[in-house]
Amino acid sequence: MEWNFKNGIPIYSQIIDEMTMRIASGEYAPGDKLPSVRDLALDAGVNPNTMQRALAELERRGLVYSERTSGRFVTEDESVLESLHEELAAGYFSELTEKLRKIGMDDDQIKAAVRKWTAAL
């Protein structure tokens, strides 16, 4: 898996975002065992403490859980995963709406455009 870190944003924050996307997309499916902290850190090219900090935050958010001797796993809680999808979608729609407003589209035009583009799916 490829990790692309951007300057100016804390690495642990970018790891949280990347792991969140991997969980949301199903790359890490519900119930999947995650690689060890050391393996993930090596793969990402970061300090294991940085990776541990990010994984602890994912655990705090309920996206992963630990089993004492077995490692970390992706949550199987459907409500948590559904909330994750809704939260991510809201962020994308907010960003899209903001950009479309900046180019001069009003709410009715944005709604019409979304209907048109989704109808083509």
N, C-alpha and C. Protein backbone atom coordinates (compact mmCIF):
# COMPACT_ATOMS: atom_id res chain seq x y z
N MET A 1 0.83 -1.17 0.00
CA MET A 1 0.00 0.00 0.00
C MET A 1 0.88 1.24 0.00
N GLU A 2 0.44 2.24 -0.70
CA GLU A 2 1.24 3.45 -0.83
C GLU A 2 0.78 4.52 0.15
N TRP A 3 1.74 5.16 0.76
CA TRP A 3 1.48 6.25 1.69
C TRP A 3 2.09 7.50 1.08
N ASN A 4 1.30 8.55 0.92
CA ASN A 4 1.78 9.83 0.40
C ASN A 4 1.48 10.91 1.42
N PHE A 5 2.51 11.35 2.11
CA PHE A 5 2.33 12.36 3.14
C PHE A 5 2.59 13.75 2.57
N LYS A 6 1.79 14.72 3.05
CA LYS A 6 1.90 16.11 2.61
C LYS A 6 2.58 16.93 3.69
N ASN A 7 3.36 17.90 3.27
CA ASN A 7 3.99 18.81 4.21
C ASN A 7 2.95 19.72 4.85
N GLY A 8 3.19 20.12 6.08
CA GLY A 8 2.32 21.07 6.75
C GLY A 8 1.16 20.45 7.50
N ILE A 9 0.97 19.14 7.39
CA ILE A 9 -0.10 18.44 8.11
C ILE A 9 0.57 17.36 8.96
N PRO A 10 0.24 17.29 10.25
CA PRO A 10 0.89 16.27 11.09
C PRO A 10 0.74 14.86 10.50
N ILE A 11 1.82 14.11 10.53
CA ILE A 11 1.84 12.77 9.96
C ILE A 11 0.78 11.88 10.61
N TYR A 12 0.66 11.93 11.96
CA TYR A 12 -0.31 11.05 12.62
C TYR A 12 -1.73 11.36 12.13
N SER A 13 -2.01 12.63 11.86
CA SER A 13 -3.32 13.01 11.36
C SER A 13 -3.56 12.44 9.96
N GLN A 14 -2.53 12.47 9.13
CA GLN A 14 -2.64 11.89 7.79
C GLN A 14 -2.79 10.38 7.84
N ILE A 15 -2.14 9.74 8.80
CA ILE A 15 -2.29 8.29 8.98
C ILE A 15 -3.73 7.97 9.38
N ILE A 16 -4.28 8.75 10.30
CA ILE A 16 -5.67 8.55 10.72
C ILE A 16 -6.59 8.66 9.51
N ASP A 17 -6.39 9.71 8.70
CA ASP A 17 -7.23 9.90 7.51
C ASP A 17 -7.09 8.75 6.53
N GLU A 18 -5.87 8.30 6.30
CA GLU A 18 -5.64 7.21 5.34
C GLU A 18 -6.24 5.90 5.83
N MET A 19 -6.03 5.59 7.10
CA MET A 19 -6.59 4.36 7.66
C MET A 19 -8.12 4.42 7.66
N THR A 20 -8.67 5.59 7.95
CA THR A 20 -10.12 5.77 7.92
C THR A 20 -10.65 5.48 6.52
N MET A 21 -9.98 6.00 5.51
CA MET A 21 -10.41 5.76 4.13
C MET A 21 -10.29 4.28 3.76
N ARG A 22 -9.25 3.64 4.23
CA ARG A 22 -9.07 2.21 3.94
C ARG A 22 -10.17 1.38 4.60
N ILE A 23 -10.61 1.79 5.76
CA ILE A 23 -11.71 1.09 6.43
C ILE A 23 -13.02 1.39 5.72
N ALA A 24 -13.26 2.66 5.40
CA ALA A 24 -14.52 3.05 4.74
C ALA A 24 -14.67 2.40 3.38
N SER A 25 -13.56 2.25 2.67
CA SER A 25 -13.61 1.68 1.31
C SER A 25 -13.70 0.16 1.32
N GLY A 26 -13.45 -0.45 2.48
CA GLY A 26 -13.48 -1.90 2.56
C GLY A 26 -12.13 -2.54 2.29
N GLU A 27 -11.11 -1.71 2.05
CA GLU A 27 -9.77 -2.27 1.90
C GLU A 27 -9.40 -3.06 3.15
N TYR A 28 -9.76 -2.51 4.30
CA TYR A 28 -9.72 -3.25 5.56
C TYR A 28 -11.18 -3.51 5.89
N ALA A 29 -11.62 -4.73 5.70
CA ALA A 29 -13.03 -5.10 5.88
C ALA A 29 -13.36 -5.27 7.36
N PRO A 30 -14.65 -5.17 7.70
CA PRO A 30 -15.06 -5.40 9.08
C PRO A 30 -14.53 -6.75 9.59
N GLY A 31 -13.92 -6.71 10.76
CA GLY A 31 -13.37 -7.92 11.36
C GLY A 31 -11.96 -8.25 10.93
N ASP A 32 -11.43 -7.57 9.91
CA ASP A 32 -10.06 -7.84 9.47
C ASP A 32 -9.06 -7.50 10.57
N LYS A 33 -8.04 -8.34 10.67
CA LYS A 33 -6.93 -8.06 11.58
C LYS A 33 -6.00 -7.09 10.87
N LEU A 34 -5.63 -6.02 11.54
CA LEU A 34 -4.70 -5.06 10.98
C LEU A 34 -3.27 -5.56 11.14
N PRO A 35 -2.40 -5.16 10.24
CA PRO A 35 -0.98 -5.47 10.44
C PRO A 35 -0.50 -4.89 11.77
N SER A 36 0.59 -5.39 12.28
CA SER A 36 1.13 -4.88 13.54
C SER A 36 1.55 -3.42 13.40
N VAL A 37 1.68 -2.76 14.54
CA VAL A 37 2.13 -1.36 14.55
C VAL A 37 3.46 -1.25 13.83
N ARG A 38 4.36 -2.15 14.13
CA ARG A 38 5.70 -2.10 13.49
C ARG A 38 5.61 -2.29 11.99
N ASP A 39 4.79 -3.24 11.55
CA ASP A 39 4.65 -3.48 10.11
C ASP A 39 4.02 -2.28 9.41
N LEU A 40 2.99 -1.70 10.01
CA LEU A 40 2.35 -0.53 9.42
C LEU A 40 3.33 0.64 9.38
N ALA A 41 4.08 0.84 10.47
CA ALA A 41 5.05 1.93 10.52
C ALA A 41 6.14 1.75 9.48
N LEU A 42 6.61 0.54 9.33
CA LEU A 42 7.64 0.25 8.33
C LEU A 42 7.11 0.51 6.93
N ASP A 43 5.90 0.06 6.67
CA ASP A 43 5.26 0.25 5.36
C ASP A 43 5.08 1.74 5.06
N ALA A 44 4.69 2.51 6.07
CA ALA A 44 4.44 3.94 5.88
C ALA A 44 5.71 4.78 5.96
N GLY A 45 6.77 4.19 6.49
CA GLY A 45 8.02 4.92 6.64
C GLY A 45 7.98 5.93 7.78
N VAL A 46 7.28 5.56 8.86
CA VAL A 46 7.16 6.46 10.01
C VAL A 46 7.62 5.76 11.27
N ASN A 47 7.80 6.54 12.31
CA ASN A 47 8.17 6.02 13.61
C ASN A 47 7.02 5.18 14.17
N PRO A 48 7.30 4.02 14.77
CA PRO A 48 6.22 3.21 15.36
C PRO A 48 5.38 3.97 16.39
N ASN A 49 5.99 4.92 17.11
CA ASN A 49 5.22 5.71 18.08
C ASN A 49 4.17 6.57 17.38
N THR A 50 4.50 7.07 16.22
CA THR A 50 3.55 7.87 15.44
C THR A 50 2.38 7.00 14.99
N MET A 51 2.71 5.81 14.52
CA MET A 51 1.66 4.88 14.08
C MET A 51 0.80 4.46 15.27
N GLN A 52 1.42 4.20 16.40
CA GLN A 52 0.69 3.81 17.61
C GLN A 52 -0.28 4.92 18.01
N ARG A 53 0.17 6.16 17.94
CA ARG A 53 -0.69 7.29 18.30
C ARG A 53 -1.91 7.36 17.38
N ALA A 54 -1.69 7.16 16.08
CA ALA A 54 -2.79 7.19 15.12
C ALA A 54 -3.76 6.05 15.36
N LEU A 55 -3.25 4.86 15.60
CA LEU A 55 -4.12 3.70 15.83
C LEU A 55 -4.90 3.86 17.14
N ALA A 56 -4.28 4.46 18.13
CA ALA A 56 -5.00 4.72 19.39
C ALA A 56 -6.18 5.66 19.14
N GLU A 57 -6.01 6.63 18.27
CA GLU A 57 -7.10 7.55 17.95
C GLU A 57 -8.20 6.82 17.18
N LEU A 58 -7.82 5.94 16.25
CA LEU A 58 -8.83 5.15 15.53
C LEU A 58 -9.61 4.26 16.49
N GLU A 59 -8.91 3.77 17.49
CA GLU A 59 -9.57 2.95 18.51
C GLU A 59 -10.53 3.81 19.33
N ARG A 60 -10.10 5.02 19.69
CA ARG A 60 -10.95 5.94 20.44
C ARG A 60 -12.22 6.27 19.66
N ARG A 61 -12.10 6.36 18.33
CA ARG A 61 -13.24 6.67 17.46
C ARG A 61 -14.13 5.45 17.21
N GLY A 62 -13.68 4.28 17.65
CA GLY A 62 -14.48 3.07 17.50
C GLY A 62 -14.31 2.36 16.16
N LEU A 63 -13.34 2.78 15.36
CA LEU A 63 -13.14 2.15 14.06
C LEU A 63 -12.33 0.87 14.15
N VAL A 64 -11.51 0.77 15.17
CA VAL A 64 -10.74 -0.46 15.40
C VAL A 64 -10.84 -0.79 16.89
N TYR A 65 -10.55 -2.03 17.20
CA TYR A 65 -10.51 -2.45 18.60
C TYR A 65 -9.34 -3.40 18.79
N SER A 66 -8.88 -3.49 20.02
CA SER A 66 -7.75 -4.36 20.35
C SER A 66 -8.21 -5.58 21.11
N GLU A 67 -7.56 -6.67 20.80
CA GLU A 67 -7.68 -7.89 21.61
C GLU A 67 -6.29 -8.12 22.18
N ARG A 68 -6.22 -8.18 23.46
CA ARG A 68 -4.97 -8.13 24.19
C ARG A 68 -3.80 -8.88 23.54
N THR A 69 -3.97 -10.11 23.19
CA THR A 69 -2.84 -10.88 22.66
C THR A 69 -2.94 -11.13 21.16
N SER A 70 -4.01 -10.67 20.55
CA SER A 70 -4.23 -10.98 19.13
C SER A 70 -3.99 -9.81 18.19
N GLY A 71 -3.96 -8.58 18.70
CA GLY A 71 -3.73 -7.42 17.85
C GLY A 71 -4.97 -6.54 17.71
N ARG A 72 -4.95 -5.75 16.65
CA ARG A 72 -6.06 -4.82 16.39
C ARG A 72 -6.88 -5.31 15.21
N PHE A 73 -8.19 -5.04 15.30
CA PHE A 73 -9.13 -5.47 14.29
C PHE A 73 -10.04 -4.32 13.91
N VAL A 74 -10.55 -4.37 12.68
CA VAL A 74 -11.53 -3.38 12.21
C VAL A 74 -12.86 -3.70 12.86
N THR A 75 -13.56 -2.66 13.30
CA THR A 75 -14.85 -2.86 13.93
C THR A 75 -15.82 -3.61 13.01
N GLU A 76 -16.69 -4.36 13.63
CA GLU A 76 -17.76 -5.03 12.89
C GLU A 76 -19.10 -4.37 13.20
N ASP A 77 -19.06 -3.28 13.95
CA ASP A 77 -20.26 -2.54 14.34
C ASP A 77 -20.79 -1.76 13.13
N GLU A 78 -21.89 -2.25 12.57
CA GLU A 78 -22.46 -1.64 11.37
C GLU A 78 -22.84 -0.18 11.58
N SER A 79 -23.31 0.16 12.78
CA SER A 79 -23.71 1.55 13.03
C SER A 79 -22.50 2.49 12.99
N VAL A 80 -21.37 2.02 13.48
CA VAL A 80 -20.14 2.83 13.43
C VAL A 80 -19.71 3.02 11.98
N LEU A 81 -19.76 1.95 11.19
CA LEU A 81 -19.36 2.03 9.79
C LEU A 81 -20.33 2.89 8.98
N GLU A 82 -21.61 2.79 9.28
CA GLU A 82 -22.61 3.62 8.59
C GLU A 82 -22.39 5.09 8.92
N SER A 83 -22.12 5.38 10.18
CA SER A 83 -21.83 6.76 10.59
C SER A 83 -20.58 7.29 9.90
N LEU A 84 -19.59 6.42 9.76
CA LEU A 84 -18.36 6.81 9.07
C LEU A 84 -18.66 7.21 7.63
N HIS A 85 -19.44 6.39 6.94
CA HIS A 85 -19.79 6.70 5.55
C HIS A 85 -20.56 8.01 5.45
N GLU A 86 -21.50 8.21 6.38
CA GLU A 86 -22.29 9.44 6.37
C GLU A 86 -21.41 10.66 6.64
N GLU A 87 -20.50 10.53 7.58
CA GLU A 87 -19.60 11.64 7.92
C GLU A 87 -18.69 11.99 6.74
N LEU A 88 -18.14 10.97 6.11
CA LEU A 88 -17.27 11.22 4.95
C LEU A 88 -18.06 11.84 3.80
N ALA A 89 -19.25 11.31 3.53
CA ALA A 89 -20.08 11.84 2.45
C ALA A 89 -20.44 13.30 2.72
N ALA A 90 -20.79 13.61 3.96
CA ALA A 90 -21.14 14.99 4.30
C ALA A 90 -19.96 15.93 4.04
N GLY A 91 -18.79 15.49 4.38
CA GLY A 91 -17.59 16.30 4.13
C GLY A 91 -17.35 16.53 2.65
N TYR A 92 -17.51 15.48 1.85
CA TYR A 92 -17.31 15.61 0.40
C TYR A 92 -18.36 16.51 -0.22
N PHE A 93 -19.62 16.34 0.20
CA PHE A 93 -20.69 17.18 -0.34
C PHE A 93 -20.50 18.64 0.07
N SER A 94 -20.06 18.87 1.29
CA SER A 94 -19.81 20.22 1.76
C SER A 94 -18.70 20.88 0.93
N GLU A 95 -17.63 20.14 0.71
CA GLU A 95 -16.51 20.65 -0.09
C GLU A 95 -16.96 20.94 -1.53
N LEU A 96 -17.71 20.01 -2.12
CA LEU A 96 -18.21 20.19 -3.48
C LEU A 96 -19.12 21.41 -3.57
N THR A 97 -20.05 21.52 -2.62
CA THR A 97 -20.99 22.64 -2.62
C THR A 97 -20.25 23.97 -2.49
N GLU A 98 -19.29 24.02 -1.61
CA GLU A 98 -18.51 25.23 -1.42
C GLU A 98 -17.79 25.63 -2.72
N LYS A 99 -17.20 24.67 -3.40
CA LYS A 99 -16.49 24.96 -4.65
C LYS A 99 -17.45 25.40 -5.75
N LEU A 100 -18.61 24.76 -5.82
CA LEU A 100 -19.58 25.14 -6.84
C LEU A 100 -20.14 26.53 -6.58
N ARG A 101 -20.33 26.88 -5.33
CA ARG A 101 -20.79 28.24 -4.99
C ARG A 101 -19.73 29.27 -5.38
N LYS A 102 -18.46 28.91 -5.22
CA LYS A 102 -17.37 29.83 -5.57
C LYS A 102 -17.34 30.13 -7.07
N ILE A 103 -17.86 29.20 -7.87
CA ILE A 103 -17.88 29.47 -9.32
C ILE A 103 -19.22 30.07 -9.75
N GLY A 104 -20.05 30.42 -8.75
CA GLY A 104 -21.26 31.16 -9.05
C GLY A 104 -22.54 30.38 -9.14
N MET A 105 -22.53 29.10 -8.81
CA MET A 105 -23.76 28.31 -8.86
C MET A 105 -24.58 28.54 -7.60
N ASP A 106 -25.90 28.65 -7.76
CA ASP A 106 -26.77 28.76 -6.59
C ASP A 106 -27.25 27.35 -6.21
N ASP A 107 -28.00 27.27 -5.11
CA ASP A 107 -28.42 25.96 -4.59
C ASP A 107 -29.25 25.17 -5.60
N ASP A 108 -30.15 25.85 -6.31
CA ASP A 108 -30.98 25.15 -7.29
C ASP A 108 -30.13 24.58 -8.43
N GLN A 109 -29.14 25.33 -8.87
CA GLN A 109 -28.25 24.85 -9.92
C GLN A 109 -27.41 23.67 -9.44
N ILE A 110 -26.97 23.75 -8.20
CA ILE A 110 -26.18 22.65 -7.64
C ILE A 110 -27.02 21.39 -7.55
N LYS A 111 -28.27 21.52 -7.05
CA LYS A 111 -29.16 20.35 -6.95
C LYS A 111 -29.44 19.75 -8.32
N ALA A 112 -29.67 20.59 -9.31
CA ALA A 112 -29.93 20.10 -10.67
C ALA A 112 -28.71 19.39 -11.22
N ALA A 113 -27.54 19.93 -10.96
CA ALA A 113 -26.31 19.32 -11.46
C ALA A 113 -26.08 17.95 -10.80
N VAL A 114 -26.33 17.87 -9.50
CA VAL A 114 -26.16 16.59 -8.79
C VAL A 114 -27.13 15.56 -9.34
N ARG A 115 -28.38 15.96 -9.55
CA ARG A 115 -29.38 15.03 -10.12
C ARG A 115 -28.93 14.56 -11.50
N LYS A 116 -28.44 15.47 -12.31
CA LYS A 116 -28.00 15.13 -13.68
C LYS A 116 -26.83 14.15 -13.63
N TRP A 117 -25.83 14.44 -12.79
CA TRP A 117 -24.66 13.60 -12.74
C TRP A 117 -24.94 12.23 -12.12
N THR A 118 -25.80 12.20 -11.12
CA THR A 118 -26.10 10.89 -10.51
C THR A 118 -27.02 10.06 -11.38
N ALA A 119 -27.84 10.70 -12.22
CA ALA A 119 -28.70 9.96 -13.14
C ALA A 119 -27.87 9.22 -14.18
N ALA A 120 -26.70 9.76 -14.48
CA ALA A 120 -25.82 9.15 -15.48
C ALA A 120 -25.09 7.92 -14.91
N LEU A 121 -25.16 7.74 -13.60
CA LEU A 121 -24.50 6.59 -12.99
C LEU A 121 -25.28 5.37 -13.31
